[in-house]
Protein backbone atom coordinates (compact mmCIF):
# COMPACT_ATOMS: atom_id res chain seq x y z
CA UNK A 1 -110.94 -62.46 -122.09
CA UNK A 2 -109.48 -59.54 -120.21
CA UNK A 3 -112.19 -57.04 -119.25
CA UNK A 4 -109.96 -54.48 -117.51
CA UNK A 5 -107.44 -53.54 -120.22
CA UNK A 6 -107.96 -51.29 -123.24
CA UNK A 7 -107.72 -53.06 -126.59
CA UNK A 8 -104.27 -51.66 -127.33
CA UNK A 9 -102.86 -53.26 -124.15
CA UNK A 10 -104.16 -56.76 -124.83
CA UNK A 11 -101.53 -59.39 -125.57
CA UNK A 12 -100.93 -60.08 -129.26
CA UNK A 13 -101.22 -63.66 -130.47
CA UNK A 14 -99.06 -65.49 -132.99
CA UNK A 15 -102.00 -65.30 -135.41
CA UNK A 16 -102.15 -61.50 -135.03
CA UNK A 17 -98.43 -61.20 -135.75
CA UNK A 18 -98.74 -63.52 -138.73
CA UNK A 19 -101.42 -61.30 -140.28
CA UNK A 20 -99.07 -58.32 -140.13
CA UNK A 21 -96.18 -60.33 -141.54
CA UNK A 22 -98.34 -61.40 -144.49
CA UNK A 23 -98.95 -57.74 -145.36
CA UNK A 24 -95.23 -56.97 -145.12
CA UNK A 25 -94.35 -59.88 -147.41
CA UNK A 26 -96.88 -58.73 -150.00
CA UNK A 27 -95.48 -55.18 -149.83
CA UNK A 28 -91.93 -56.47 -150.28
CA UNK A 29 -92.92 -58.64 -153.24
CA UNK A 30 -94.48 -55.75 -155.15
CA UNK A 31 -91.70 -53.29 -154.35
CA UNK A 32 -93.35 -51.10 -151.73
CA UNK A 33 -90.74 -52.18 -149.18
CA UNK A 34 -87.08 -52.84 -149.82
CA UNK A 35 -85.20 -55.62 -148.02
CA UNK A 36 -83.93 -53.35 -145.27
CA UNK A 37 -87.38 -51.94 -144.51
CA UNK A 38 -88.93 -55.39 -144.61
CA UNK A 39 -86.36 -56.75 -142.15
CA UNK A 40 -86.75 -53.80 -139.76
CA UNK A 41 -90.54 -54.02 -139.72
CA UNK A 42 -90.52 -57.81 -139.42
CA UNK A 43 -88.29 -57.52 -136.35
CA UNK A 44 -90.78 -55.10 -134.81
CA UNK A 45 -93.58 -57.60 -135.44
CA UNK A 46 -91.71 -60.43 -133.72
CA UNK A 47 -90.87 -58.18 -130.77
CA UNK A 48 -94.45 -56.90 -130.36
CA UNK A 49 -96.16 -58.05 -127.20
CA UNK A 50 -99.41 -56.05 -127.31
CA UNK A 51 -102.00 -55.40 -130.02
CA UNK A 52 -101.29 -51.67 -129.90
CA UNK A 53 -97.75 -52.21 -131.21
CA UNK A 54 -98.89 -53.85 -134.46
CA UNK A 55 -101.10 -51.38 -136.41
CA UNK A 56 -98.39 -48.68 -136.87
CA UNK A 57 -96.20 -51.20 -138.69
CA UNK A 58 -98.56 -51.42 -141.68
CA UNK A 59 -100.40 -48.08 -141.42
CA UNK A 60 -98.74 -46.69 -144.59
CA UNK A 61 -99.16 -49.87 -146.65
CA UNK A 62 -102.94 -50.34 -146.77
CA UNK A 63 -106.06 -48.19 -146.34
CA UNK A 64 -107.70 -48.32 -142.92
CA UNK A 65 -110.45 -50.75 -143.91
CA UNK A 66 -107.90 -53.31 -145.18
CA UNK A 67 -105.47 -53.23 -142.26
CA UNK A 68 -104.66 -56.67 -140.80
CA UNK A 69 -105.61 -55.47 -137.30
CA UNK A 70 -108.00 -52.67 -136.38
CA UNK A 71 -108.35 -51.14 -132.93
CA UNK A 72 -110.66 -48.19 -133.60
CA UNK A 73 -113.72 -47.94 -131.37
CA UNK A 74 -115.78 -45.46 -133.42
CA UNK A 75 -119.35 -46.49 -134.30
CA UNK A 76 -120.04 -48.11 -137.66
CA UNK A 77 -121.91 -45.24 -139.31
CA UNK A 78 -123.44 -45.53 -142.77
CA UNK A 79 -124.84 -42.07 -143.47
CA UNK A 80 -125.92 -41.79 -147.12
CA UNK A 81 -123.35 -44.46 -148.01
CA UNK A 82 -121.80 -47.69 -146.76
CA UNK A 83 -119.53 -48.47 -143.82
CA UNK A 84 -117.93 -51.84 -143.05
CA UNK A 85 -116.12 -53.27 -140.05
CA UNK A 86 -114.63 -56.69 -140.77
CA UNK A 87 -111.48 -58.77 -140.49
CA UNK A 88 -109.46 -58.86 -137.30
CA UNK A 89 -110.77 -56.05 -135.10
CA UNK A 90 -111.33 -55.62 -131.38
CA UNK A 91 -114.97 -55.57 -130.33
CA UNK A 92 -115.68 -53.29 -127.37
CA UNK A 93 -118.24 -54.41 -124.76
CA UNK A 94 -120.62 -51.75 -126.11
CA UNK A 95 -120.78 -51.32 -129.88
CA UNK A 96 -122.84 -48.93 -131.98
CA UNK A 97 -124.03 -49.16 -135.57
CA UNK A 98 -126.19 -46.68 -137.43
CA UNK A 99 -127.56 -46.67 -140.96
CA UNK A 100 -129.24 -43.60 -142.47
CA UNK A 101 -129.98 -44.08 -146.17
CA UNK A 102 -127.03 -46.48 -146.26
CA UNK A 103 -125.75 -49.94 -145.32
CA UNK A 104 -123.67 -50.78 -142.24
CA UNK A 105 -121.88 -54.13 -142.45
CA UNK A 106 -120.39 -55.64 -139.26
CA UNK A 107 -118.55 -58.95 -139.36
CA UNK A 108 -117.72 -60.58 -136.03
CA UNK A 109 -116.53 -63.90 -137.44
CA UNK A 110 -112.83 -63.08 -137.12
CA UNK A 111 -113.09 -60.38 -134.47
CA UNK A 112 -111.54 -60.39 -131.01
CA UNK A 113 -114.08 -60.06 -128.18
CA UNK A 114 -112.97 -58.16 -125.09
CA UNK A 115 -115.87 -59.60 -123.08
CA UNK A 116 -118.03 -62.66 -123.42
CA UNK A 117 -121.14 -60.49 -123.81
CA UNK A 118 -121.31 -57.76 -126.44
CA UNK A 119 -124.12 -55.21 -126.33
CA UNK A 120 -124.77 -53.59 -129.68
CA UNK A 121 -127.07 -50.66 -130.38
CA UNK A 122 -128.04 -51.07 -134.04
CA UNK A 123 -130.49 -48.58 -135.52
CA UNK A 124 -131.61 -48.14 -139.11
CA UNK A 125 -133.55 -45.22 -140.60
CA UNK A 126 -134.26 -45.82 -144.28
CA UNK A 127 -131.14 -47.98 -144.17
CA UNK A 128 -129.78 -51.43 -143.40
CA UNK A 129 -127.59 -52.91 -140.67
CA UNK A 130 -126.25 -56.41 -141.33
CA UNK A 131 -124.29 -58.23 -138.61
CA UNK A 132 -122.48 -61.50 -139.31
CA UNK A 133 -121.58 -63.64 -136.31
CA UNK A 134 -119.50 -66.82 -135.97
CA UNK A 135 -121.24 -70.14 -135.66
CA UNK A 136 -122.10 -70.93 -132.04
CA UNK A 137 -122.59 -67.35 -130.87
CA UNK A 138 -125.79 -66.72 -128.93
CA UNK A 139 -127.81 -63.84 -130.41
CA UNK A 140 -130.62 -61.91 -128.72
CA UNK A 141 -132.44 -59.22 -130.70
CA UNK A 142 -134.70 -56.68 -128.98
CA UNK A 143 -135.83 -53.12 -129.74
CA UNK A 144 -138.68 -51.88 -131.92
CA UNK A 145 -139.51 -51.49 -135.58
CA UNK A 146 -141.99 -49.43 -137.56
CA UNK A 147 -142.47 -50.44 -141.19
CA UNK A 148 -139.12 -52.16 -140.93
CA UNK A 149 -137.65 -55.45 -139.76
CA UNK A 150 -135.33 -56.61 -136.99
CA UNK A 151 -134.47 -60.29 -137.22
CA UNK A 152 -131.89 -63.01 -136.76
CA UNK A 153 -131.47 -66.24 -138.68
CA UNK A 154 -129.03 -67.69 -136.14
CA UNK A 155 -129.78 -70.79 -134.10
CA UNK A 156 -129.56 -71.07 -130.30
CA UNK A 157 -126.05 -72.01 -129.28
CA UNK A 158 -125.62 -75.54 -127.89
CA UNK A 159 -122.71 -74.34 -125.72
CA UNK A 160 -123.59 -73.18 -122.20
CA UNK A 161 -120.87 -70.50 -121.96
CA UNK A 162 -120.99 -69.35 -125.59
CA UNK A 163 -120.29 -65.68 -126.36
CA UNK A 164 -123.44 -63.56 -126.47
CA UNK A 165 -124.47 -60.71 -128.77
CA UNK A 166 -127.33 -58.56 -127.50
CA UNK A 167 -128.75 -56.28 -130.20
CA UNK A 168 -131.08 -53.42 -129.33
CA UNK A 169 -132.13 -50.15 -130.96
CA UNK A 170 -134.81 -49.13 -133.43
CA UNK A 171 -135.68 -49.67 -137.06
CA UNK A 172 -137.74 -47.19 -139.09
CA UNK A 173 -138.31 -47.97 -142.77
CA UNK A 174 -135.18 -50.13 -142.69
CA UNK A 175 -133.79 -53.44 -141.46
CA UNK A 176 -131.45 -54.92 -138.87
CA UNK A 177 -130.39 -58.47 -139.71
CA UNK A 178 -128.07 -60.83 -137.79
CA UNK A 179 -126.86 -63.96 -139.56
CA UNK A 180 -124.41 -66.82 -139.04
CA UNK A 181 -122.65 -69.07 -141.58
CA UNK A 182 -124.94 -71.67 -143.05
CA UNK A 183 -124.32 -75.20 -141.87
CA UNK A 184 -123.73 -77.57 -144.74
CA UNK A 185 -125.57 -80.85 -144.30
CA UNK A 186 -123.35 -83.97 -144.49
CA UNK A 187 -125.73 -85.71 -146.91
CA UNK A 188 -125.58 -82.69 -149.22
CA UNK A 189 -121.76 -82.82 -149.31
CA UNK A 190 -121.87 -86.52 -150.13
CA UNK A 191 -124.43 -85.96 -152.87
CA UNK A 192 -122.22 -83.36 -154.54
CA UNK A 193 -119.22 -85.68 -154.80
CA UNK A 194 -118.61 -87.00 -158.27
CA UNK A 195 -119.01 -90.76 -158.64
CA UNK A 196 -115.77 -92.62 -159.09
CA UNK A 197 -115.20 -94.21 -162.48
CA UNK A 198 -114.74 -97.95 -162.39
């Protein structure tokens, strides 16, 4: 993880380029791009070396919240509505999320962390902030609540150098909740298998 470079200057991975190519293929299949445009944009994807070169390639094909790669650093702000940050996006070392009579959804499961420790200020006033983290991420929730709830259902990470999410802020007549994917028990998977017919 490179702590000195802005998100736009970080090196793009093959997976990042593939996400953009998938959007271009879908646009070509439904007629939004002709063959010449598809070829020109695909070449730009293959030539891209940094994350900042990729978003402009699909900016006119999908709305901002559905882009294959998001570099914006604005807070997730749900004021009298909903706001979501999910998919492949770059998480700054200091993140902010606010919910005022609304719901702020933040999904870190496919996000790119700039640093190993992310500090998030998450505050809810008559609203809800829900943060989803990948399995194995260490979560620490602090701050204060009044007639509200701040909680995490994640388990301590068994990995010594696991990425860390530190959540602080306040909760007034609202909730801040951090969750991770549920682990499916092996015996439950076996029990759900259909018996073989003899």
